[in-house]
Amino acid sequence: MEETYLLNVEGVKKKILHGGHGELPKLQDGSKFTFHFQTLKDDFERTVIDDSREAGMPMEIIVGKMFKLEIWETLLSSMRIGEVAEFWCDTIHTGMYALVSRGMRRIAEGRDPLEGQKHRCGMGNMFDYHSTGYDDLDELQRTPQPLIFIMELFRVEDPSAYKRDTWAMSKEEKLAAVPVLHSEGNRLVLRREFAQAAAKYQEAVICLRNLQAKEKPWEDGWLKLESLVTPLVLNYCQCQLELGEYYEVLEHTTELLQKHNDNAKAYFKRAKAHAAVWNEREAREDFQRVAHLDPSMAAAVKKELKQLGERMRKKHVEDRKRYQGLFQSSQG
């Protein structure tokens, strides 16, 4: 089926490449589209800019959640399940594509899509994007142009049919999810399923950080959310200690202590991580800070310092034997 026709939208043409089945999906706020897409330039070579199949994951967007590239919601709304269609979109619809693509690429690379953005209103953020970090996207920003989107729609789900991703939740939904995720994490810790527990704590932290981004730092709303974040980060760090991810513990506890330099539990977890990677001086300093801040932890600190001393002495003996062996073999 190669019929080309105009959608009832200015600056859009649609060509059905493979017909879908059934009726057009009935949509409501919160419905989720799952689809693959390819983005091409409208040039002689039809240069490929992005391809979700190469990224290894289909795309998902939620109806009514202000996806930056609003035209995609319109395009997908015109498709049946299983349909493959090609859409030509004029420049009036593609101006935000470089920023959307930047975020999608960063997610596919396992990076934070918002990393480097400043806490500003939407228009303010526009002026922070001197470079996307990708040459082809920088070119699109400098010279906006029509683009071609080839989409294959897999499914459309009602809001009740899927677990809402954190970014798709409303403020109220995020606040309601946090204690649930916290208790699920605690339950998994009791079963010693530390990796799964860490994922629950991390998801809860992401919910709260998203809400914090809308508050002014160190004002009441921000501080209230921060008081919820801190125990979740500490629980996450405890899981990482159990999993042997010591450098991750050092990173997160140090970040926490930059904001809250009187948190004895954060010092204690950082001290244990330092001890595990043989940073004896740093471990002793942190353990001593714990005992100073919270005398009730003095006994635990004394036990940890004793174990640290024993481990360091054993390591020094082993190192001395190893060096002697090397020296003797070099002499021989």
Foldseek 3Di string as FASTA:
>chain_A
DFDKDADPDPQKIKGWPDAADDDQDDDDFFKKWWKWKWKFAPDPVRHTDDTVVVLPGTDMDTPPQPDVQVVVVVVSSVGHAQIKMKMKGWLVRCLCVLLNVLLVVCVSVVHHSCPPADLDPPVVRVVSCCDSPDVVSNVCNVPPGIMMMIMTTHDIGDNVPDDDQLSSDDLVVLVVLLVVLQVVLVVCVVVVVLVVSLVSLVSNLVNLVVVLSNPDPPDDVNVVSVVSNVVSLLSNLVSCVVVVVLVVLLVSLVVVCVVVVLDLSSLQSNLSSCLVVPVLVSNLVSLVSSCVSDVVCVVVSVVVNVVSVVVVVVVVVVVVVVVVVVVVVVVD
